[in-house]
Amino acid sequence: MNTSSNSTQNQAAADEHRRIIVLDTETTGMNREGGPHYQGHRIIEIGAVEIINRKLTGRHFHVYIKPDREIQPDAIEVHGITDEFLVDKPEYKEVHKEFLEFIDGAELVAHNAPFDVGFMDHEFSMLDSSIGTTAEHCKVTDTLAMAKRMPNMPARKNLDSLAKHYMIDISARVLHGALLDAEILADVYLAMTGGQTSLQFSGSNAESGGVEGIRRVEGRKALKVLRASADELVAHEDRLDIVAKSGACLWR
């Protein structure tokens, strides 16, 4: 019995079936020096989508929140949410229970997670100190930190750059919006973590972990490489131009 192989497969299965919540927030202020939530800024929009078994389930949490302060003009330029729009929206205390139930026990994925989590922790503490921190309810994963550790990533690692790097369509994104950004980030996260989790082989040799059945071909001639002519390369580029007009071109 190959206990090591079984353990790896069990872990892969557990990883695939864990519950992941991809989240984004919009806030009243964008000044990050010293942490904007410590300057009295508040969350005004939460968007979150659920992933199970590496697939979006269709379940999501989305709410606009009325803060107890005005929104800074530079923040409005980013997300387009105004004080007038939020006048009839609920306060955070009215949505907290449903929000916490949605994220509790999941792996929480956010881009530049300390920013979003800092605001969440601030809202929790203002409501009731006994709620604790986000990290006490969720495992937190920061896709910005992930991108910085990965090779061959774009120089800028904001959400737009990563989406373009993975050829994810963001044409619907004119302004930042928490739910739309969470959906885009979910696609980015799945692309960033899209390697194989386990290998399945058939046959007694693979099951035994042996290599006796491998056949090596000796003395094989090198394959002849036929390179495209200049005219063929031009025709190829013309075809890619046509493909690119309908969306992202995978071959570029």
C-alpha atoms as a PDB file:
ATOM      1  CA  MET A   1       0.000   0.000   0.000  1.00  0.00           C
ATOM      2  CA  ASN A   2       1.474   3.349  -1.067  1.00  0.00           C
ATOM      3  CA  THR A   3       0.498   5.550   1.908  1.00  0.00           C
ATOM      4  CA  SER A   4       2.434   8.569   0.582  1.00  0.00           C
ATOM      5  CA  SER A   5       0.516   8.529  -2.712  1.00  0.00           C
ATOM      6  CA  ASN A   6      -2.811   8.110  -0.913  1.00  0.00           C
ATOM      7  CA  SER A   7      -2.007  11.030   1.387  1.00  0.00           C
ATOM      8  CA  THR A   8      -1.171  13.276  -1.575  1.00  0.00           C
ATOM      9  CA  GLN A   9      -4.405  12.349  -3.357  1.00  0.00           C
ATOM     10  CA  ASN A  10      -6.456  12.911  -0.185  1.00  0.00           C
ATOM     11  CA  GLN A  11      -4.875  16.335   0.311  1.00  0.00           C
ATOM     12  CA  ALA A  12      -5.528  17.267  -3.317  1.00  0.00           C
ATOM     13  CA  ALA A  13      -9.171  16.233  -2.932  1.00  0.00           C
ATOM     14  CA  ALA A  14      -9.473  18.279   0.264  1.00  0.00           C
ATOM     15  CA  ASP A  15      -7.951  21.334  -1.443  1.00  0.00           C
ATOM     16  CA  GLU A  16     -10.320  21.054  -4.396  1.00  0.00           C
ATOM     17  CA  HIS A  17     -13.398  20.873  -2.180  1.00  0.00           C
ATOM     18  CA  ARG A  18     -12.516  23.618   0.289  1.00  0.00           C
ATOM     19  CA  ARG A  19     -14.763  26.665   0.342  1.00  0.00           C
ATOM     20  CA  ILE A  20     -13.168  29.854  -0.987  1.00  0.00           C
ATOM     21  CA  ILE A  21     -14.664  33.337  -0.814  1.00  0.00           C
ATOM     22  CA  VAL A  22     -13.144  35.916  -3.166  1.00  0.00           C
ATOM     23  CA  LEU A  23     -13.803  39.411  -1.834  1.00  0.00           C
ATOM     24  CA  ASP A  24     -13.405  43.074  -2.671  1.00  0.00           C
ATOM     25  CA  THR A  25     -14.496  46.233  -0.860  1.00  0.00           C
ATOM     26  CA  GLU A  26     -14.975  49.881  -1.749  1.00  0.00           C
ATOM     27  CA  THR A  27     -14.452  52.571   0.880  1.00  0.00           C
ATOM     28  CA  THR A  28     -15.018  56.238   1.704  1.00  0.00           C
ATOM     29  CA  GLY A  29     -11.318  57.087   1.322  1.00  0.00           C
ATOM     30  CA  MET A  30      -8.303  55.920  -0.624  1.00  0.00           C
ATOM     31  CA  ASN A  31      -5.460  57.471   1.407  1.00  0.00           C
ATOM     32  CA  ARG A  32      -3.537  54.440   2.653  1.00  0.00           C
ATOM     33  CA  GLU A  33      -0.919  56.187   4.779  1.00  0.00           C
ATOM     34  CA  GLY A  34      -1.207  54.810   8.297  1.00  0.00           C
ATOM     35  CA  GLY A  35      -4.250  52.765   7.347  1.00  0.00           C
ATOM     36  CA  PRO A  36      -7.324  54.669   6.131  1.00  0.00           C
ATOM     37  CA  HIS A  37      -9.674  52.866   8.517  1.00  0.00           C
ATOM     38  CA  TYR A  38      -7.753  54.493  11.362  1.00  0.00           C
ATOM     39  CA  GLN A  39      -8.604  57.891   9.884  1.00  0.00           C
ATOM     40  CA  GLY A  40     -12.320  57.271  10.237  1.00  0.00           C
ATOM     41  CA  HIS A  41     -12.927  55.850   6.761  1.00  0.00           C
ATOM     42  CA  ARG A  42     -15.552  53.151   6.317  1.00  0.00           C
ATOM     43  CA  ILE A  43     -16.603  50.353   3.987  1.00  0.00           C
ATOM     44  CA  ILE A  44     -19.374  51.383   1.589  1.00  0.00           C
ATOM     45  CA  GLU A  45     -19.573  48.301  -0.652  1.00  0.00           C
ATOM     46  CA  ILE A  46     -18.781  44.613  -0.206  1.00  0.00           C
ATOM     47  CA  GLY A  47     -18.714  42.117  -3.065  1.00  0.00           C
ATOM     48  CA  ALA A  48     -17.873  38.450  -2.560  1.00  0.00           C
ATOM     49  CA  VAL A  49     -18.258  35.288  -4.647  1.00  0.00           C
ATOM     50  CA  GLU A  50     -18.014  31.639  -3.624  1.00  0.00           C
ATOM     51  CA  ILE A  51     -15.751  29.010  -5.175  1.00  0.00           C
ATOM     52  CA  ILE A  52     -16.042  25.298  -4.387  1.00  0.00           C
ATOM     53  CA  ASN A  53     -14.156  22.566  -6.238  1.00  0.00           C
ATOM     54  CA  ARG A  54     -12.411  25.296  -8.281  1.00  0.00           C
ATOM     55  CA  LYS A  55     -15.716  26.476  -9.736  1.00  0.00           C
ATOM     56  CA  LEU A  56     -17.858  29.542  -9.089  1.00  0.00           C
ATOM     57  CA  THR A  57     -21.024  28.249  -7.426  1.00  0.00           C
ATOM     58  CA  GLY A  58     -23.194  31.265  -8.283  1.00  0.00           C
ATOM     59  CA  ARG A  59     -23.590  32.163  -4.606  1.00  0.00           C
ATOM     60  CA  HIS A  60     -22.473  35.684  -3.804  1.00  0.00           C
ATOM     61  CA  PHE A  61     -22.766  38.429  -1.214  1.00  0.00           C
ATOM     62  CA  HIS A  62     -23.185  41.997  -2.401  1.00  0.00           C
ATOM     63  CA  VAL A  63     -24.288  45.052  -0.453  1.00  0.00           C
ATOM     64  CA  TYR A  64     -23.928  48.831  -0.427  1.00  0.00           C
ATOM     65  CA  ILE A  65     -23.497  50.360   3.022  1.00  0.00           C
ATOM     66  CA  LYS A  66     -24.322  53.811   4.350  1.00  0.00           C
ATOM     67  CA  PRO A  67     -21.337  55.177   6.303  1.00  0.00           C
ATOM     68  CA  ASP A  68     -21.462  57.848   8.987  1.00  0.00           C
ATOM     69  CA  ARG A  69     -19.175  60.177   7.010  1.00  0.00           C
ATOM     70  CA  GLU A  70     -18.746  61.743   3.574  1.00  0.00           C
ATOM     71  CA  ILE A  71     -16.946  59.997   0.740  1.00  0.00           C
ATOM     72  CA  GLN A  72     -13.715  61.622  -0.429  1.00  0.00           C
ATOM     73  CA  PRO A  73     -13.782  63.019  -4.017  1.00  0.00           C
ATOM     74  CA  ASP A  74     -10.739  60.957  -5.089  1.00  0.00           C
ATOM     75  CA  ALA A  75     -12.507  57.795  -3.933  1.00  0.00           C
ATOM     76  CA  ILE A  76     -15.628  58.691  -5.938  1.00  0.00           C
ATOM     77  CA  GLU A  77     -13.433  59.040  -9.037  1.00  0.00           C
ATOM     78  CA  VAL A  78     -12.371  55.417  -8.549  1.00  0.00           C
ATOM     79  CA  HIS A  79     -15.645  53.666  -7.711  1.00  0.00           C
ATOM     80  CA  GLY A  80     -18.334  56.200  -8.654  1.00  0.00           C
ATOM     81  CA  ILE A  81     -20.315  55.733  -5.427  1.00  0.00           C
ATOM     82  CA  THR A  82     -21.727  58.981  -4.038  1.00  0.00           C
ATOM     83  CA  ASP A  83     -23.134  60.058  -0.678  1.00  0.00           C
ATOM     84  CA  GLU A  84     -26.532  60.598  -2.324  1.00  0.00           C
ATOM     85  CA  PHE A  85     -26.584  57.028  -3.631  1.00  0.00           C
ATOM     86  CA  LEU A  86     -25.972  55.617  -0.148  1.00  0.00           C
ATOM     87  CA  VAL A  87     -28.622  57.658   1.688  1.00  0.00           C
ATOM     88  CA  ASP A  88     -31.188  54.832   1.764  1.00  0.00           C
ATOM     89  CA  LYS A  89     -28.701  51.928   2.114  1.00  0.00           C
ATOM     90  CA  PRO A  90     -28.327  49.892   5.341  1.00  0.00           C
ATOM     91  CA  GLU A  91     -25.643  50.589   7.923  1.00  0.00           C
ATOM     92  CA  TYR A  92     -22.937  47.975   8.456  1.00  0.00           C
ATOM     93  CA  LYS A  93     -24.513  46.718  11.692  1.00  0.00           C
ATOM     94  CA  GLU A  94     -27.601  45.723   9.684  1.00  0.00           C
ATOM     95  CA  VAL A  95     -25.683  43.460   7.300  1.00  0.00           C
ATOM     96  CA  HIS A  96     -22.955  42.153   9.611  1.00  0.00           C
ATOM     97  CA  LYS A  97     -24.632  38.890  10.638  1.00  0.00           C
ATOM     98  CA  GLU A  98     -25.365  37.803   7.071  1.00  0.00           C
ATOM     99  CA  PHE A  99     -21.885  38.841   5.907  1.00  0.00           C
ATOM    100  CA  LEU A 100     -20.079  36.988   8.696  1.00  0.00           C
ATOM    101  CA  GLU A 101     -22.142  33.867   8.081  1.00  0.00           C
ATOM    102  CA  PHE A 102     -21.165  34.005   4.394  1.00  0.00           C
ATOM    103  CA  ILE A 103     -17.410  34.194   5.011  1.00  0.00           C
ATOM    104  CA  ASP A 104     -17.087  32.238   8.272  1.00  0.00           C
ATOM    105  CA  GLY A 105     -14.892  29.147   7.979  1.00  0.00           C
ATOM    106  CA  ALA A 106     -13.891  29.831   4.371  1.00  0.00           C
ATOM    107  CA  GLU A 107     -10.563  30.756   2.829  1.00  0.00           C
ATOM    108  CA  LEU A 108     -10.858  34.481   2.120  1.00  0.00           C
ATOM    109  CA  VAL A 109      -9.053  35.633  -1.040  1.00  0.00           C
ATOM    110  CA  ALA A 110      -8.475  39.347  -1.674  1.00  0.00           C
ATOM    111  CA  HIS A 111      -6.032  41.439  -3.705  1.00  0.00           C
ATOM    112  CA  ASN A 112      -3.899  43.452  -1.295  1.00  0.00           C
ATOM    113  CA  ALA A 113      -5.755  41.643   1.480  1.00  0.00           C
ATOM    114  CA  PRO A 114      -4.363  43.756   4.372  1.00  0.00           C
ATOM    115  CA  PHE A 115      -6.313  46.737   2.974  1.00  0.00           C
ATOM    116  CA  ASP A 116      -9.704  44.952   2.856  1.00  0.00           C
ATOM    117  CA  VAL A 117      -9.111  42.944   6.020  1.00  0.00           C
ATOM    118  CA  GLY A 118      -8.032  46.086   7.889  1.00  0.00           C
ATOM    119  CA  PHE A 119     -11.361  47.704   7.074  1.00  0.00           C
ATOM    120  CA  MET A 120     -13.274  44.556   7.993  1.00  0.00           C
ATOM    121  CA  ASP A 121     -11.488  44.305  11.342  1.00  0.00           C
ATOM    122  CA  HIS A 122     -12.258  47.965  11.979  1.00  0.00           C
ATOM    123  CA  GLU A 123     -15.974  47.443  11.262  1.00  0.00           C
ATOM    124  CA  PHE A 124     -15.991  44.358  13.509  1.00  0.00           C
ATOM    125  CA  SER A 125     -14.361  46.208  16.404  1.00  0.00           C
ATOM    126  CA  MET A 126     -16.669  49.212  16.088  1.00  0.00           C
ATOM    127  CA  LEU A 127     -19.695  46.924  16.237  1.00  0.00           C
ATOM    128  CA  ASP A 128     -18.607  44.528  18.994  1.00  0.00           C
ATOM    129  CA  SER A 129     -15.062  43.792  20.191  1.00  0.00           C
ATOM    130  CA  SER A 130     -16.052  40.203  20.964  1.00  0.00           C
ATOM    131  CA  ILE A 131     -16.437  39.458  17.221  1.00  0.00           C
ATOM    132  CA  GLY A 132     -12.665  39.198  16.908  1.00  0.00           C
ATOM    133  CA  THR A 133     -10.672  39.653  13.722  1.00  0.00           C
ATOM    134  CA  THR A 134     -11.184  38.378  10.200  1.00  0.00           C
ATOM    135  CA  ALA A 135      -8.268  35.974  10.646  1.00  0.00           C
ATOM    136  CA  GLU A 136     -10.145  34.334  13.523  1.00  0.00           C
ATOM    137  CA  HIS A 137     -12.994  33.471  11.157  1.00  0.00           C
ATOM    138  CA  CYS A 138     -11.144  32.830   7.884  1.00  0.00           C
ATOM    139  CA  LYS A 139      -7.835  31.804   6.440  1.00  0.00           C
ATOM    140  CA  VAL A 140      -6.736  34.920   4.510  1.00  0.00           C
ATOM    141  CA  THR A 141      -4.933  34.671   1.153  1.00  0.00           C
ATOM    142  CA  ASP A 142      -3.463  37.753  -0.524  1.00  0.00           C
ATOM    143  CA  THR A 143      -3.220  37.422  -4.317  1.00  0.00           C
ATOM    144  CA  LEU A 144      -0.933  40.478  -4.485  1.00  0.00           C
ATOM    145  CA  ALA A 145       1.597  38.720  -2.239  1.00  0.00           C
ATOM    146  CA  MET A 146       1.173  35.559  -4.340  1.00  0.00           C
ATOM    147  CA  ALA A 147       1.872  37.479  -7.559  1.00  0.00           C
ATOM    148  CA  LYS A 148       5.042  38.989  -6.102  1.00  0.00           C
ATOM    149  CA  ARG A 149       6.402  35.488  -5.405  1.00  0.00           C
ATOM    150  CA  MET A 150       5.554  34.058  -8.827  1.00  0.00           C
ATOM    151  CA  PRO A 151       7.928  34.172 -11.835  1.00  0.00           C
ATOM    152  CA  ASN A 152       7.156  35.808 -15.180  1.00  0.00           C
ATOM    153  CA  MET A 153       4.533  38.163 -13.797  1.00  0.00           C
ATOM    154  CA  PRO A 154       3.950  41.718 -15.090  1.00  0.00           C
ATOM    155  CA  ALA A 155       5.879  44.554 -13.452  1.00  0.00           C
ATOM    156  CA  ARG A 156       2.637  46.097 -12.197  1.00  0.00           C
ATOM    157  CA  LYS A 157       0.639  43.601 -10.192  1.00  0.00           C
ATOM    158  CA  ASN A 158      -2.671  45.383  -9.761  1.00  0.00           C
ATOM    159  CA  LEU A 159      -5.867  43.545 -10.682  1.00  0.00           C
ATOM    160  CA  ASP A 160      -6.085  45.044 -14.186  1.00  0.00           C
ATOM    161  CA  SER A 161      -2.513  44.015 -15.029  1.00  0.00           C
ATOM    162  CA  LEU A 162      -2.991  40.470 -13.755  1.00  0.00           C
ATOM    163  CA  ALA A 163      -6.284  40.114 -15.623  1.00  0.00           C
ATOM    164  CA  LYS A 164      -4.605  41.205 -18.859  1.00  0.00           C
ATOM    165  CA  HIS A 165      -1.665  38.885 -18.140  1.00  0.00           C
ATOM    166  CA  TYR A 166      -4.072  35.920 -17.941  1.00  0.00           C
ATOM    167  CA  MET A 167      -6.153  37.237 -20.885  1.00  0.00           C
ATOM    168  CA  ILE A 168      -9.270  37.686 -18.753  1.00  0.00           C
ATOM    169  CA  ASP A 169     -11.898  39.961 -20.277  1.00  0.00           C
ATOM    170  CA  ILE A 170     -12.355  43.130 -18.201  1.00  0.00           C
ATOM    171  CA  SER A 171     -14.138  45.171 -20.870  1.00  0.00           C
ATOM    172  CA  ALA A 172     -17.229  45.513 -18.621  1.00  0.00           C
ATOM    173  CA  ARG A 173     -15.152  47.271 -15.973  1.00  0.00           C
ATOM    174  CA  VAL A 174     -15.410  51.052 -16.390  1.00  0.00           C
ATOM    175  CA  LEU A 175     -15.239  51.924 -12.682  1.00  0.00           C
ATOM    176  CA  HIS A 176     -14.177  49.817  -9.751  1.00  0.00           C
ATOM    177  CA  GLY A 177     -17.090  47.907  -8.259  1.00  0.00           C
ATOM    178  CA  ALA A 178     -16.748  45.407  -5.431  1.00  0.00           C
ATOM    179  CA  LEU A 179     -18.785  42.571  -6.951  1.00  0.00           C
ATOM    180  CA  LEU A 180     -17.366  42.918 -10.465  1.00  0.00           C
ATOM    181  CA  ASP A 181     -13.824  43.152  -9.078  1.00  0.00           C
ATOM    182  CA  ALA A 182     -14.443  40.064  -6.930  1.00  0.00           C
ATOM    183  CA  GLU A 183     -15.604  38.148 -10.023  1.00  0.00           C
ATOM    184  CA  ILE A 184     -12.524  39.265 -11.985  1.00  0.00           C
ATOM    185  CA  LEU A 185     -10.262  38.375  -9.070  1.00  0.00           C
ATOM    186  CA  ALA A 186     -11.864  34.928  -8.858  1.00  0.00           C
ATOM    187  CA  ASP A 187     -10.853  34.292 -12.477  1.00  0.00           C
ATOM    188  CA  VAL A 188      -7.352  35.633 -11.777  1.00  0.00           C
ATOM    189  CA  TYR A 189      -6.994  33.472  -8.657  1.00  0.00           C
ATOM    190  CA  LEU A 190      -8.078  30.331 -10.509  1.00  0.00           C
ATOM    191  CA  ALA A 191      -5.584  31.126 -13.282  1.00  0.00           C
ATOM    192  CA  MET A 192      -2.790  31.736 -10.757  1.00  0.00           C
ATOM    193  CA  THR A 193      -3.474  28.427  -9.014  1.00  0.00           C
ATOM    194  CA  GLY A 194      -4.410  26.452 -12.118  1.00  0.00           C
ATOM    195  CA  GLY A 195      -1.696  23.778 -12.063  1.00  0.00           C
ATOM    196  CA  GLN A 196      -2.518  20.085 -11.808  1.00  0.00           C
ATOM    197  CA  THR A 197      -3.332  18.956  -8.282  1.00  0.00           C
ATOM    198  CA  SER A 198      -2.929  15.226  -8.866  1.00  0.00           C
ATOM    199  CA  LEU A 199      -1.952  12.777 -11.603  1.00  0.00           C
ATOM    200  CA  GLN A 200      -4.008   9.684 -12.400  1.00  0.00           C
ATOM    201  CA  PHE A 201      -2.292   6.806 -14.171  1.00  0.00           C
ATOM    202  CA  SER A 202      -3.659   3.454 -15.228  1.00  0.00           C
ATOM    203  CA  GLY A 203      -1.794   0.171 -15.427  1.00  0.00           C
ATOM    204  CA  SER A 204      -0.065  -2.016 -12.860  1.00  0.00           C
ATOM    205  CA  ASN A 205       3.338  -0.363 -13.349  1.00  0.00           C
ATOM    206  CA  ALA A 206       2.028   3.099 -12.367  1.00  0.00           C
ATOM    207  CA  GLU A 207       0.147   1.646  -9.403  1.00  0.00           C
ATOM    208  CA  SER A 208       3.281  -0.070  -8.101  1.00  0.00           C
ATOM    209  CA  GLY A 209       5.370   3.062  -8.499  1.00  0.00           C
ATOM    210  CA  GLY A 210       7.923   1.139 -10.591  1.00  0.00           C
ATOM    211  CA  VAL A 211       9.707   2.121 -13.810  1.00  0.00           C
ATOM    212  CA  GLU A 212      10.303  -1.331 -15.286  1.00  0.00           C
ATOM    213  CA  GLY A 213       7.768  -0.823 -18.070  1.00  0.00           C
ATOM    214  CA  ILE A 214       9.365   2.331 -19.511  1.00  0.00           C
ATOM    215  CA  ARG A 215      10.789   1.782 -22.990  1.00  0.00           C
ATOM    216  CA  ARG A 216      13.556   3.999 -24.299  1.00  0.00           C
ATOM    217  CA  VAL A 217      14.063   4.406 -28.037  1.00  0.00           C
ATOM    218  CA  GLU A 218      17.742   4.359 -28.938  1.00  0.00           C
ATOM    219  CA  GLY A 219      19.400   5.782 -32.050  1.00  0.00           C
ATOM    220  CA  ARG A 220      16.368   7.789 -33.200  1.00  0.00           C
ATOM    221  CA  LYS A 221      17.098  10.406 -35.869  1.00  0.00           C
ATOM    222  CA  ALA A 222      16.416  14.040 -34.993  1.00  0.00           C
ATOM    223  CA  LEU A 223      13.109  15.372 -36.300  1.00  0.00           C
ATOM    224  CA  LYS A 224      13.335  17.709 -39.270  1.00  0.00           C
ATOM    225  CA  VAL A 225      12.135  21.225 -38.437  1.00  0.00           C
ATOM    226  CA  LEU A 226      10.234  23.031 -41.188  1.00  0.00           C
ATOM    227  CA  ARG A 227      10.214  26.779 -40.546  1.00  0.00           C
ATOM    228  CA  ALA A 228       7.542  29.134 -41.875  1.00  0.00           C
ATOM    229  CA  SER A 229       8.429  31.301 -44.849  1.00  0.00           C
ATOM    230  CA  ALA A 230       8.171  35.103 -44.746  1.00  0.00           C
ATOM    231  CA  ASP A 231       4.882  34.977 -46.694  1.00  0.00           C
ATOM    232  CA  GLU A 232       3.466  32.379 -44.294  1.00  0.00           C
ATOM    233  CA  LEU A 233       4.401  34.505 -41.280  1.00  0.00           C
ATOM    234  CA  VAL A 234       2.616  37.512 -42.796  1.00  0.00           C
ATOM    235  CA  ALA A 235      -0.491  35.398 -43.490  1.00  0.00           C
ATOM    236  CA  HIS A 236      -0.353  34.079 -39.938  1.00  0.00           C
ATOM    237  CA  GLU A 237      -0.259  37.607 -38.467  1.00  0.00           C
ATOM    238  CA  ASP A 238      -3.167  38.653 -40.697  1.00  0.00           C
ATOM    239  CA  ARG A 239      -5.204  35.757 -39.340  1.00  0.00           C
ATOM    240  CA  LEU A 240      -4.350  36.696 -35.750  1.00  0.00           C
ATOM    241  CA  ASP A 241      -5.483  40.267 -36.443  1.00  0.00           C
ATOM    242  CA  ILE A 242      -8.905  38.891 -37.410  1.00  0.00           C
ATOM    243  CA  VAL A 243      -9.055  36.739 -34.274  1.00  0.00           C
ATOM    244  CA  ALA A 244      -8.036  39.671 -32.050  1.00  0.00           C
ATOM    245  CA  LYS A 245     -10.985  41.765 -33.263  1.00  0.00           C
ATOM    246  CA  SER A 246     -13.388  39.366 -31.512  1.00  0.00           C
ATOM    247  CA  GLY A 247     -11.547  39.379 -28.206  1.00  0.00           C
ATOM    248  CA  ALA A 248      -8.305  38.312 -26.550  1.00  0.00           C
ATOM    249  CA  CYS A 249      -6.001  36.433 -28.927  1.00  0.00           C
ATOM    250  CA  LEU A 250      -4.442  33.440 -27.143  1.00  0.00           C
ATOM    251  CA  TRP A 251      -1.641  33.085 -29.675  1.00  0.00           C
ATOM    252  CA  ARG A 252      -0.169  36.528 -28.958  1.00  0.00           C
END
